[in-house]
Amino acid sequence: MTGAEMILVIEDELNTRTLIQVTLAQSGYQCVHAATGIAGVAAAFDCVPGAVLLDLGLPDLDGIEVTRRIRERSPVPIIVVSARGQEADKIAALDGGANDYLTKPFGSGELLARIRVALRSISTTSEQVPTSGTTTRGDLSINFDLRSVTVGGTDVYLTPIEYRLLAVMMASSGRVLTHQQILRQVWGPRYSAEMNYLRVYMKKLRHKIEPEPARPKYLVNEPGIGYRLRVANP
């Protein structure tokens, strides 16, 4: 049982899990559930769901660690559903690779809307970024098979969001991408106005791959429009 119509729910609290399952079933989704982080990670790879609903407060693994483990091998959209409403928790979850964050308590309508957006984002992003091969621009190289990045032959560690941002830029090397295009491809359609996300992560990425982050060699700003990954070295 695989496909976009199947949702994996990783939630240990029985009442919440039951409520989500009933809501999903009434809307025509198939549902698989896991009550622990380890079981959830395994199910994410065994069932190949269209999206994952993930609680952070699991009995064995923290939900952010679950996100990281899933994201190491799968681009499946992950929606965190948690009682933790602090900004730091949201940032940590998104940094770890989550696509969205919904704070408990929530309405069934909002939950379903978030799922629909997540499922739509699969098609809007997957066509833009290669999944195999290697692309090199100057000293910068990205291996899409291994999801690895090197600068001058040295491995560079990127968070899932940083990797996605670089992959999107590399896939459109030499071409200007608007702020909205980048936000939609990296974070999804509902984040197309979140300019602060893009500024923060572009700065982080530049500090990891640029020889002089203040004078970028690769990730060039096009004022008022967006960014471009420079094809030729300056």
C-alpha atoms as a PDB file:
ATOM      1  CA  MET A   1       0.000   0.000   0.000  1.00  0.00           C
ATOM      2  CA  THR A   2       1.834   3.089  -1.258  1.00  0.00           C
ATOM      3  CA  GLY A   3       1.097   6.396  -2.900  1.00  0.00           C
ATOM      4  CA  ALA A   4       0.012   9.947  -2.203  1.00  0.00           C
ATOM      5  CA  GLU A   5      -3.354   8.768  -0.830  1.00  0.00           C
ATOM      6  CA  MET A   6      -1.635   6.990   2.078  1.00  0.00           C
ATOM      7  CA  ILE A   7      -0.610   9.000   5.158  1.00  0.00           C
ATOM      8  CA  LEU A   8       1.768   7.799   7.872  1.00  0.00           C
ATOM      9  CA  VAL A   9       0.838   9.018  11.371  1.00  0.00           C
ATOM     10  CA  ILE A  10       3.636   8.836  13.959  1.00  0.00           C
ATOM     11  CA  GLU A  11       1.866   9.613  17.235  1.00  0.00           C
ATOM     12  CA  ASP A  12       1.975   7.836  20.619  1.00  0.00           C
ATOM     13  CA  GLU A  13      -1.074   9.506  22.214  1.00  0.00           C
ATOM     14  CA  LEU A  14      -4.026   7.231  21.506  1.00  0.00           C
ATOM     15  CA  ASN A  15      -6.816   9.815  21.491  1.00  0.00           C
ATOM     16  CA  THR A  16      -4.966  12.142  19.134  1.00  0.00           C
ATOM     17  CA  ARG A  17      -3.971   9.276  16.867  1.00  0.00           C
ATOM     18  CA  THR A  18      -7.557   8.027  16.712  1.00  0.00           C
ATOM     19  CA  LEU A  19      -8.872  11.502  15.915  1.00  0.00           C
ATOM     20  CA  ILE A  20      -6.372  11.932  13.085  1.00  0.00           C
ATOM     21  CA  GLN A  21      -7.111   8.489  11.678  1.00  0.00           C
ATOM     22  CA  VAL A  22     -10.864   9.125  11.660  1.00  0.00           C
ATOM     23  CA  THR A  23     -10.366  12.531  10.012  1.00  0.00           C
ATOM     24  CA  LEU A  24      -8.149  11.022   7.325  1.00  0.00           C
ATOM     25  CA  ALA A  25     -10.490   8.092   6.664  1.00  0.00           C
ATOM     26  CA  GLN A  26     -13.489  10.408   6.275  1.00  0.00           C
ATOM     27  CA  SER A  27     -11.565  12.335   3.627  1.00  0.00           C
ATOM     28  CA  GLY A  28     -10.628   9.241   1.643  1.00  0.00           C
ATOM     29  CA  TYR A  29      -7.043   8.777   2.813  1.00  0.00           C
ATOM     30  CA  GLN A  30      -5.547   5.456   3.805  1.00  0.00           C
ATOM     31  CA  CYS A  31      -3.659   5.559   7.077  1.00  0.00           C
ATOM     32  CA  VAL A  32      -0.735   3.709   8.636  1.00  0.00           C
ATOM     33  CA  HIS A  33       0.278   4.537  12.184  1.00  0.00           C
ATOM     34  CA  ALA A  34       3.291   4.100  14.434  1.00  0.00           C
ATOM     35  CA  ALA A  35       3.447   4.798  18.173  1.00  0.00           C
ATOM     36  CA  THR A  36       7.244   5.144  18.423  1.00  0.00           C
ATOM     37  CA  GLY A  37       9.923   6.976  16.513  1.00  0.00           C
ATOM     38  CA  ILE A  38      11.822   3.850  15.521  1.00  0.00           C
ATOM     39  CA  ALA A  39       8.668   2.214  14.185  1.00  0.00           C
ATOM     40  CA  GLY A  40       7.788   5.440  12.366  1.00  0.00           C
ATOM     41  CA  VAL A  41      11.144   5.651  10.597  1.00  0.00           C
ATOM     42  CA  ALA A  42      10.826   2.033   9.486  1.00  0.00           C
ATOM     43  CA  ALA A  43       7.271   2.600   8.244  1.00  0.00           C
ATOM     44  CA  ALA A  44       8.344   5.664   6.261  1.00  0.00           C
ATOM     45  CA  PHE A  45      10.640   3.467   4.188  1.00  0.00           C
ATOM     46  CA  ASP A  46       8.505   0.308   4.096  1.00  0.00           C
ATOM     47  CA  CYS A  47       5.167   1.930   3.178  1.00  0.00           C
ATOM     48  CA  VAL A  48       6.401   4.870   1.045  1.00  0.00           C
ATOM     49  CA  PRO A  49       3.578   7.200   2.164  1.00  0.00           C
ATOM     50  CA  GLY A  50       2.496  10.355   0.379  1.00  0.00           C
ATOM     51  CA  ALA A  51       3.032  12.396   3.572  1.00  0.00           C
ATOM     52  CA  VAL A  52       3.984  11.945   7.237  1.00  0.00           C
ATOM     53  CA  LEU A  53       2.226  13.456  10.256  1.00  0.00           C
ATOM     54  CA  LEU A  54       4.723  13.489  13.109  1.00  0.00           C
ATOM     55  CA  ASP A  55       4.435  14.239  16.827  1.00  0.00           C
ATOM     56  CA  LEU A  56       7.613  15.528  18.494  1.00  0.00           C
ATOM     57  CA  GLY A  57       7.009  14.019  21.952  1.00  0.00           C
ATOM     58  CA  LEU A  58       7.561  10.344  21.227  1.00  0.00           C
ATOM     59  CA  PRO A  59       8.567   7.825  23.928  1.00  0.00           C
ATOM     60  CA  ASP A  60      11.837   6.659  22.350  1.00  0.00           C
ATOM     61  CA  LEU A  61      13.148   9.263  19.912  1.00  0.00           C
ATOM     62  CA  ASP A  62      12.545  12.977  19.765  1.00  0.00           C
ATOM     63  CA  GLY A  63      10.488  13.862  16.718  1.00  0.00           C
ATOM     64  CA  ILE A  64      13.250  16.078  15.342  1.00  0.00           C
ATOM     65  CA  GLU A  65      15.593  13.090  15.305  1.00  0.00           C
ATOM     66  CA  VAL A  66      12.883  11.077  13.538  1.00  0.00           C
ATOM     67  CA  THR A  67      12.650  13.843  10.945  1.00  0.00           C
ATOM     68  CA  ARG A  68      16.392  13.760  10.353  1.00  0.00           C
ATOM     69  CA  ARG A  69      16.446   9.981   9.940  1.00  0.00           C
ATOM     70  CA  ILE A  70      13.585  10.008   7.455  1.00  0.00           C
ATOM     71  CA  ARG A  71      15.042  12.942   5.549  1.00  0.00           C
ATOM     72  CA  GLU A  72      18.377  11.158   5.117  1.00  0.00           C
ATOM     73  CA  ARG A  73      16.700   8.766   2.684  1.00  0.00           C
ATOM     74  CA  SER A  74      13.356  10.196   1.660  1.00  0.00           C
ATOM     75  CA  PRO A  75      11.925  13.520   0.359  1.00  0.00           C
ATOM     76  CA  VAL A  76       8.438  12.632   1.655  1.00  0.00           C
ATOM     77  CA  PRO A  77       6.639  15.726   3.012  1.00  0.00           C
ATOM     78  CA  ILE A  78       6.723  15.775   6.824  1.00  0.00           C
ATOM     79  CA  ILE A  79       4.144  17.784   8.769  1.00  0.00           C
ATOM     80  CA  VAL A  80       4.969  18.128  12.449  1.00  0.00           C
ATOM     81  CA  VAL A  81       1.842  18.024  14.638  1.00  0.00           C
ATOM     82  CA  SER A  82       2.907  18.988  18.144  1.00  0.00           C
ATOM     83  CA  ALA A  83       1.835  20.649  21.380  1.00  0.00           C
ATOM     84  CA  ARG A  84       5.179  22.445  21.412  1.00  0.00           C
ATOM     85  CA  GLY A  85       4.380  25.919  20.182  1.00  0.00           C
ATOM     86  CA  GLN A  86       7.624  27.772  20.861  1.00  0.00           C
ATOM     87  CA  GLU A  87       9.386  29.380  17.913  1.00  0.00           C
ATOM     88  CA  ALA A  88      12.610  27.515  18.768  1.00  0.00           C
ATOM     89  CA  ASP A  89      10.816  24.167  18.394  1.00  0.00           C
ATOM     90  CA  LYS A  90       9.393  25.183  15.023  1.00  0.00           C
ATOM     91  CA  ILE A  91      12.779  26.360  13.760  1.00  0.00           C
ATOM     92  CA  ALA A  92      14.483  23.161  14.954  1.00  0.00           C
ATOM     93  CA  ALA A  93      11.867  20.997  13.220  1.00  0.00           C
ATOM     94  CA  LEU A  94      12.085  22.928   9.952  1.00  0.00           C
ATOM     95  CA  ASP A  95      15.888  22.939  10.177  1.00  0.00           C
ATOM     96  CA  GLY A  96      15.770  19.175  10.640  1.00  0.00           C
ATOM     97  CA  GLY A  97      13.864  18.747   7.390  1.00  0.00           C
ATOM     98  CA  ALA A  98      10.173  19.130   8.219  1.00  0.00           C
ATOM     99  CA  ASN A  99       8.009  20.814   5.588  1.00  0.00           C
ATOM    100  CA  ASP A 100       5.337  22.241   7.869  1.00  0.00           C
ATOM    101  CA  TYR A 101       4.427  22.671  11.551  1.00  0.00           C
ATOM    102  CA  LEU A 102       0.925  22.489  13.026  1.00  0.00           C
ATOM    103  CA  THR A 103       0.426  23.272  16.720  1.00  0.00           C
ATOM    104  CA  LYS A 104      -2.050  21.291  18.840  1.00  0.00           C
ATOM    105  CA  PRO A 105      -4.919  21.725  19.316  1.00  0.00           C
ATOM    106  CA  PHE A 106      -5.894  22.061  15.653  1.00  0.00           C
ATOM    107  CA  GLY A 107      -9.018  21.853  13.544  1.00  0.00           C
ATOM    108  CA  SER A 108      -9.593  18.974  11.154  1.00  0.00           C
ATOM    109  CA  GLY A 109     -10.096  21.434   8.288  1.00  0.00           C
ATOM    110  CA  GLU A 110      -6.688  23.012   8.795  1.00  0.00           C
ATOM    111  CA  LEU A 111      -5.026  19.611   9.100  1.00  0.00           C
ATOM    112  CA  LEU A 112      -6.534  18.441   5.812  1.00  0.00           C
ATOM    113  CA  ALA A 113      -5.576  21.696   4.112  1.00  0.00           C
ATOM    114  CA  ARG A 114      -1.956  21.288   5.238  1.00  0.00           C
ATOM    115  CA  ILE A 115      -1.949  17.725   3.893  1.00  0.00           C
ATOM    116  CA  ARG A 116      -3.318  18.850   0.517  1.00  0.00           C
ATOM    117  CA  VAL A 117      -0.610  21.502   0.260  1.00  0.00           C
ATOM    118  CA  ALA A 118       2.069  18.946   1.164  1.00  0.00           C
ATOM    119  CA  LEU A 119       0.850  16.499  -1.454  1.00  0.00           C
ATOM    120  CA  ARG A 120       0.708  19.218  -4.120  1.00  0.00           C
ATOM    121  CA  SER A 121       4.257  20.258  -3.258  1.00  0.00           C
ATOM    122  CA  ILE A 122       5.523  16.818  -4.301  1.00  0.00           C
ATOM    123  CA  SER A 123       4.806  17.531  -7.951  1.00  0.00           C
ATOM    124  CA  THR A 124       5.801  21.209  -7.840  1.00  0.00           C
ATOM    125  CA  THR A 125       9.254  20.488  -6.433  1.00  0.00           C
ATOM    126  CA  SER A 126      10.250  17.063  -7.732  1.00  0.00           C
ATOM    127  CA  GLU A 127      10.358  18.222 -11.349  1.00  0.00           C
ATOM    128  CA  GLN A 128      12.812  21.011 -10.559  1.00  0.00           C
ATOM    129  CA  VAL A 129      15.685  19.143  -8.903  1.00  0.00           C
ATOM    130  CA  PRO A 130      17.648  16.192 -10.310  1.00  0.00           C
ATOM    131  CA  THR A 131      17.714  12.992  -8.285  1.00  0.00           C
ATOM    132  CA  SER A 132      20.845  11.516  -9.874  1.00  0.00           C
ATOM    133  CA  GLY A 133      24.144  12.586 -11.379  1.00  0.00           C
ATOM    134  CA  THR A 134      26.684  15.213 -10.397  1.00  0.00           C
ATOM    135  CA  THR A 135      26.750  18.925 -11.203  1.00  0.00           C
ATOM    136  CA  THR A 136      29.922  20.998 -10.841  1.00  0.00           C
ATOM    137  CA  ARG A 137      30.341  24.754 -10.979  1.00  0.00           C
ATOM    138  CA  GLY A 138      33.928  25.843 -10.410  1.00  0.00           C
ATOM    139  CA  ASP A 139      35.080  24.345  -7.108  1.00  0.00           C
ATOM    140  CA  LEU A 140      31.494  23.626  -6.068  1.00  0.00           C
ATOM    141  CA  SER A 141      30.068  20.157  -6.732  1.00  0.00           C
ATOM    142  CA  ILE A 142      26.821  18.434  -5.751  1.00  0.00           C
ATOM    143  CA  ASN A 143      26.250  14.683  -6.063  1.00  0.00           C
ATOM    144  CA  PHE A 144      22.500  14.130  -6.294  1.00  0.00           C
ATOM    145  CA  ASP A 145      22.812  10.350  -5.845  1.00  0.00           C
ATOM    146  CA  LEU A 146      24.642  10.673  -2.531  1.00  0.00           C
ATOM    147  CA  ARG A 147      23.062  14.016  -1.565  1.00  0.00           C
ATOM    148  CA  SER A 148      26.580  15.257  -0.876  1.00  0.00           C
ATOM    149  CA  VAL A 149      28.324  18.574  -1.506  1.00  0.00           C
ATOM    150  CA  THR A 150      32.008  19.371  -1.862  1.00  0.00           C
ATOM    151  CA  VAL A 151      33.903  22.635  -2.212  1.00  0.00           C
ATOM    152  CA  GLY A 152      37.391  22.294  -3.636  1.00  0.00           C
ATOM    153  CA  GLY A 153      37.182  18.547  -3.020  1.00  0.00           C
ATOM    154  CA  THR A 154      36.315  18.961   0.682  1.00  0.00           C
ATOM    155  CA  ASP A 155      33.024  17.622   1.987  1.00  0.00           C
ATOM    156  CA  VAL A 156      30.636  20.259   3.307  1.00  0.00           C
ATOM    157  CA  TYR A 157      27.851  19.356   5.731  1.00  0.00           C
ATOM    158  CA  LEU A 158      24.506  20.946   4.873  1.00  0.00           C
ATOM    159  CA  THR A 159      21.221  20.664   6.723  1.00  0.00           C
ATOM    160  CA  PRO A 160      18.327  19.247   4.654  1.00  0.00           C
ATOM    161  CA  ILE A 161      16.977  22.745   3.964  1.00  0.00           C
ATOM    162  CA  GLU A 162      20.411  24.072   2.991  1.00  0.00           C
ATOM    163  CA  TYR A 163      20.922  21.102   0.677  1.00  0.00           C
ATOM    164  CA  ARG A 164      17.522  21.611  -0.919  1.00  0.00           C
ATOM    165  CA  LEU A 165      18.250  25.308  -1.436  1.00  0.00           C
ATOM    166  CA  LEU A 166      21.586  24.611  -3.089  1.00  0.00           C
ATOM    167  CA  ALA A 167      20.104  21.805  -5.215  1.00  0.00           C
ATOM    168  CA  VAL A 168      17.384  24.129  -6.516  1.00  0.00           C
ATOM    169  CA  MET A 169      19.939  26.801  -7.367  1.00  0.00           C
ATOM    170  CA  MET A 170      22.303  24.312  -9.031  1.00  0.00           C
ATOM    171  CA  ALA A 171      19.468  22.869 -11.108  1.00  0.00           C
ATOM    172  CA  SER A 172      18.887  26.347 -12.581  1.00  0.00           C
ATOM    173  CA  SER A 173      22.534  27.433 -12.849  1.00  0.00           C
ATOM    174  CA  GLY A 174      22.995  30.725 -14.657  1.00  0.00           C
ATOM    175  CA  ARG A 175      19.297  31.570 -14.517  1.00  0.00           C
ATOM    176  CA  VAL A 176      17.701  34.062 -12.156  1.00  0.00           C
ATOM    177  CA  LEU A 177      15.133  32.511  -9.816  1.00  0.00           C
ATOM    178  CA  THR A 178      12.697  34.879  -8.141  1.00  0.00           C
ATOM    179  CA  HIS A 179      12.326  34.877  -4.383  1.00  0.00           C
ATOM    180  CA  GLN A 180       8.885  33.290  -4.748  1.00  0.00           C
ATOM    181  CA  GLN A 181      10.141  30.540  -7.069  1.00  0.00           C
ATOM    182  CA  ILE A 182      12.869  29.556  -4.618  1.00  0.00           C
ATOM    183  CA  LEU A 183      10.543  29.618  -1.619  1.00  0.00           C
ATOM    184  CA  ARG A 184       7.955  27.450  -3.386  1.00  0.00           C
ATOM    185  CA  GLN A 185      10.536  24.906  -4.525  1.00  0.00           C
ATOM    186  CA  VAL A 186      12.397  24.651  -1.205  1.00  0.00           C
ATOM    187  CA  TRP A 187       9.640  25.124   1.390  1.00  0.00           C
ATOM    188  CA  GLY A 188       6.425  24.625  -0.576  1.00  0.00           C
ATOM    189  CA  PRO A 189       3.655  26.844  -2.019  1.00  0.00           C
ATOM    190  CA  ARG A 190       2.313  28.162   1.274  1.00  0.00           C
ATOM    191  CA  TYR A 191       5.719  29.682   2.114  1.00  0.00           C
ATOM    192  CA  SER A 192       6.056  31.795  -1.046  1.00  0.00           C
ATOM    193  CA  ALA A 193       5.826  35.048   0.969  1.00  0.00           C
ATOM    194  CA  GLU A 194       8.242  34.077   3.767  1.00  0.00           C
ATOM    195  CA  MET A 195      11.175  36.199   2.614  1.00  0.00           C
ATOM    196  CA  ASN A 196      12.912  35.967   5.982  1.00  0.00           C
ATOM    197  CA  TYR A 197      13.307  32.196   5.588  1.00  0.00           C
ATOM    198  CA  LEU A 198      15.144  32.709   2.305  1.00  0.00           C
ATOM    199  CA  ARG A 199      17.424  35.459   3.611  1.00  0.00           C
ATOM    200  CA  VAL A 200      18.405  33.469   6.709  1.00  0.00           C
ATOM    201  CA  TYR A 201      19.164  30.240   4.872  1.00  0.00           C
ATOM    202  CA  MET A 202      20.908  31.913   1.951  1.00  0.00           C
ATOM    203  CA  LYS A 203      23.225  33.568   4.473  1.00  0.00           C
ATOM    204  CA  LYS A 204      23.884  30.221   6.187  1.00  0.00           C
ATOM    205  CA  LEU A 205      24.561  28.517   2.866  1.00  0.00           C
ATOM    206  CA  ARG A 206      26.944  31.235   1.702  1.00  0.00           C
ATOM    207  CA  HIS A 207      28.977  30.882   4.903  1.00  0.00           C
ATOM    208  CA  LYS A 208      29.438  27.185   4.151  1.00  0.00           C
ATOM    209  CA  ILE A 209      30.248  27.233   0.425  1.00  0.00           C
ATOM    210  CA  GLU A 210      31.589  30.698  -0.398  1.00  0.00           C
ATOM    211  CA  PRO A 211      35.300  31.611   0.001  1.00  0.00           C
ATOM    212  CA  GLU A 212      34.170  35.140   0.905  1.00  0.00           C
ATOM    213  CA  PRO A 213      30.505  35.111   1.992  1.00  0.00           C
ATOM    214  CA  ALA A 214      30.309  38.919   1.877  1.00  0.00           C
ATOM    215  CA  ARG A 215      31.439  38.824  -1.764  1.00  0.00           C
ATOM    216  CA  PRO A 216      29.680  35.712  -3.080  1.00  0.00           C
ATOM    217  CA  LYS A 217      31.328  33.802  -5.879  1.00  0.00           C
ATOM    218  CA  TYR A 218      28.382  31.494  -6.576  1.00  0.00           C
ATOM    219  CA  LEU A 219      25.104  32.631  -4.991  1.00  0.00           C
ATOM    220  CA  VAL A 220      24.587  36.041  -6.507  1.00  0.00           C
ATOM    221  CA  ASN A 221      21.845  38.413  -5.365  1.00  0.00           C
ATOM    222  CA  GLU A 222      19.705  40.030  -8.041  1.00  0.00           C
ATOM    223  CA  PRO A 223      18.305  43.054  -6.127  1.00  0.00           C
ATOM    224  CA  GLY A 224      14.533  43.146  -5.951  1.00  0.00           C
ATOM    225  CA  ILE A 225      14.199  39.948  -7.996  1.00  0.00           C
ATOM    226  CA  GLY A 226      15.878  36.904  -6.484  1.00  0.00           C
ATOM    227  CA  TYR A 227      19.120  34.944  -6.748  1.00  0.00           C
ATOM    228  CA  ARG A 228      21.258  33.313  -9.417  1.00  0.00           C
ATOM    229  CA  LEU A 229      23.925  30.645  -9.176  1.00  0.00           C
ATOM    230  CA  ARG A 230      26.807  31.957 -11.256  1.00  0.00           C
ATOM    231  CA  VAL A 231      27.911  29.514 -13.954  1.00  0.00           C
ATOM    232  CA  ALA A 232      31.388  30.885 -14.611  1.00  0.00           C
ATOM    233  CA  ASN A 233      33.883  31.934 -11.996  1.00  0.00           C
ATOM    234  CA  PRO A 234      34.322  35.730 -11.666  1.00  0.00           C
END
